């Protein structure tokens, strides 16, 4: 693998977007737009059952997976709220399938086969929007739990 050409950060990101794009299509989403620029959020806007989805995609190489920055987390919520959408995060991890050790598996070689780790979409939210069901059947906001 010494003479192999490694994928750029943008190519790794594009690979992750392609993984999420295919997942969304298979799950019945209508893709409205895709923007592969990491500085632009969301990367994918889609719709399913009349609900618009704003999806931020992050991709990283083994042993890591894509991580959403805290500032982007809140930016996505604000942007989705303004547009009547649900904000989602898609974390993708890729692993070089021809790697024979940890170091080789972490190298994103162009043209290599990859194992992909993607667990689906995660809703982006704030604690004051999460409802908790008490043992007595009552419903509280998660933020109320911290006030007690």
Protein backbone atom coordinates (compact mmCIF):
# COMPACT_ATOMS: atom_id res chain seq x y z
CA UNK A 1 0.00 0.00 0.00
CA UNK A 2 3.06 2.29 0.05
CA UNK A 3 2.47 3.67 -3.47
CA UNK A 4 -1.28 4.00 -3.10
CA UNK A 5 -2.94 7.37 -3.51
CA UNK A 6 -4.97 8.44 -0.49
CA UNK A 7 -8.39 10.04 -0.77
CA UNK A 8 -8.60 13.73 0.09
CA UNK A 9 -10.78 15.02 2.93
CA UNK A 10 -13.34 16.15 0.32
CA UNK A 11 -13.36 12.72 -1.34
CA UNK A 12 -13.90 11.03 2.03
CA UNK A 13 -16.79 13.42 2.71
CA UNK A 14 -18.27 12.78 -0.76
CA UNK A 15 -18.08 9.04 -0.10
CA UNK A 16 -20.08 9.50 3.12
CA UNK A 17 -22.67 11.63 1.34
CA UNK A 18 -23.06 8.92 -1.29
CA UNK A 19 -23.65 6.32 1.45
CA UNK A 20 -26.35 8.48 3.07
CA UNK A 21 -27.88 9.41 -0.31
CA UNK A 22 -28.31 5.73 -1.23
CA UNK A 23 -29.79 4.98 2.21
CA UNK A 24 -32.32 7.80 1.85
CA UNK A 25 -33.39 6.72 -1.65
CA UNK A 26 -33.80 3.11 -0.50
CA UNK A 27 -35.85 4.28 2.51
CA UNK A 28 -38.27 6.19 0.29
CA UNK A 29 -37.00 9.74 0.67
CA UNK A 30 -37.28 12.21 -2.18
CA UNK A 31 -33.96 14.03 -2.51
CA UNK A 32 -34.51 17.77 -2.89
CA UNK A 33 -30.88 18.91 -2.95
CA UNK A 34 -27.33 17.81 -2.17
CA UNK A 35 -24.41 20.09 -1.39
CA UNK A 36 -21.10 18.36 -0.74
CA UNK A 37 -19.39 21.46 0.70
CA UNK A 38 -18.46 20.74 4.34
CA UNK A 39 -18.92 24.42 5.16
CA UNK A 40 -22.55 24.26 4.05
CA UNK A 41 -25.21 22.71 6.29
CA UNK A 42 -27.27 20.74 5.67
CA UNK A 43 -25.52 18.66 3.03
CA UNK A 44 -28.74 16.88 2.06
CA UNK A 45 -32.31 18.15 2.01
CA UNK A 46 -34.88 15.42 1.52
CA UNK A 47 -38.57 14.77 2.09
CA UNK A 48 -40.59 11.77 3.16
CA UNK A 49 -44.29 11.52 3.98
CA UNK A 50 -44.65 15.29 3.74
CA UNK A 51 -41.86 15.98 6.24
CA UNK A 52 -38.74 17.84 5.18
CA UNK A 53 -35.39 16.55 6.49
CA UNK A 54 -32.21 18.60 6.80
CA UNK A 55 -29.24 16.23 7.07
CA UNK A 56 -25.69 17.06 8.11
CA UNK A 57 -23.23 14.35 7.03
CA UNK A 58 -19.80 13.78 8.57
CA UNK A 59 -17.40 11.02 7.54
CA UNK A 60 -14.15 9.84 9.10
CA UNK A 61 -11.73 6.96 8.73
CA UNK A 62 -11.30 3.92 10.95
CA UNK A 63 -11.26 3.74 13.91
CA UNK A 64 -13.24 7.01 13.97
CA UNK A 65 -16.67 7.94 12.68
CA UNK A 66 -17.97 11.32 11.62
CA UNK A 67 -18.67 13.75 14.47
CA UNK A 68 -21.00 16.75 14.41
CA UNK A 69 -19.47 19.94 15.75
CA UNK A 70 -21.40 21.57 18.62
CA UNK A 71 -21.81 24.83 16.71
CA UNK A 72 -23.27 22.93 13.73
CA UNK A 73 -25.64 21.07 16.06
CA UNK A 74 -27.34 24.29 17.12
CA UNK A 75 -27.07 25.88 13.66
CA UNK A 76 -28.94 22.88 12.20
CA UNK A 77 -31.75 23.16 14.78
CA UNK A 78 -32.17 26.88 14.13
CA UNK A 79 -32.12 26.47 10.34
CA UNK A 80 -34.58 23.55 10.43
CA UNK A 81 -36.95 25.44 12.74
CA UNK A 82 -37.01 28.40 10.33
CA UNK A 83 -37.87 26.10 7.43
CA UNK A 84 -40.31 23.67 9.07
CA UNK A 85 -37.88 20.76 8.77
CA UNK A 86 -36.48 18.09 11.07
CA UNK A 87 -32.69 18.28 11.57
CA UNK A 88 -30.72 15.03 11.33
CA UNK A 89 -27.13 13.93 11.66
CA UNK A 90 -25.58 11.10 9.65
CA UNK A 91 -22.30 9.75 11.03
CA UNK A 92 -20.31 7.61 8.61
CA UNK A 93 -17.14 5.65 9.24
CA UNK A 94 -15.08 3.97 6.54
CA UNK A 95 -12.42 1.28 6.87
CA UNK A 96 -10.04 0.11 4.15
CA UNK A 97 -11.10 -3.52 3.64
CA UNK A 98 -7.71 -4.56 2.25
CA UNK A 99 -5.82 -3.30 5.30
CA UNK A 100 -3.98 -6.02 7.18
CA UNK A 101 -3.42 -4.03 10.37
CA UNK A 102 -4.89 -1.05 12.22
CA UNK A 103 -2.72 1.48 10.39
CA UNK A 104 -3.57 0.13 6.93
CA UNK A 105 -7.29 -0.10 7.73
CA UNK A 106 -7.27 3.60 8.65
CA UNK A 107 -5.85 4.67 5.26
CA UNK A 108 -8.51 5.75 2.75
CA UNK A 109 -6.86 4.48 -0.43
CA UNK A 110 -8.47 5.56 -3.71
CA UNK A 111 -10.06 2.62 -5.46
CA UNK A 112 -9.89 0.33 -2.41
CA UNK A 113 -12.84 -1.57 -1.06
CA UNK A 114 -14.29 -0.22 2.17
CA UNK A 115 -16.25 -1.46 5.12
CA UNK A 116 -18.82 1.17 6.01
CA UNK A 117 -20.27 1.94 9.42
CA UNK A 118 -23.53 3.88 9.22
CA UNK A 119 -26.34 3.42 11.73
CA UNK A 120 -28.97 5.63 10.07
CA UNK A 121 -30.17 9.13 10.83
CA UNK A 122 -30.03 10.64 14.31
CA UNK A 123 -32.43 13.46 15.18
CA UNK A 124 -30.65 16.61 16.30
CA UNK A 125 -32.43 18.20 19.25
CA UNK A 126 -32.01 20.11 22.50
CA UNK A 127 -32.68 18.79 25.99
CA UNK A 128 -35.67 21.12 26.48
CA UNK A 129 -37.40 19.36 23.58
CA UNK A 130 -37.00 15.83 24.92
CA UNK A 131 -39.94 14.35 26.82
CA UNK A 132 -39.40 11.91 29.69
CA UNK A 133 -42.07 9.53 30.88
CA UNK A 134 -42.18 9.19 34.66
CA UNK A 135 -42.99 5.97 36.51
CA UNK A 136 -46.37 7.46 37.33
CA UNK A 137 -47.12 8.03 33.64
CA UNK A 138 -46.48 11.77 33.78
CA UNK A 139 -44.60 13.52 30.99
CA UNK A 140 -41.86 16.04 31.71
CA UNK A 141 -39.32 17.88 29.63
CA UNK A 142 -35.84 16.44 30.10
CA UNK A 143 -34.63 19.90 31.19
CA UNK A 144 -37.19 19.77 34.05
CA UNK A 145 -35.43 16.68 35.42
CA UNK A 146 -32.26 18.72 36.01
CA UNK A 147 -34.16 21.45 37.88
CA UNK A 148 -35.20 19.12 40.70
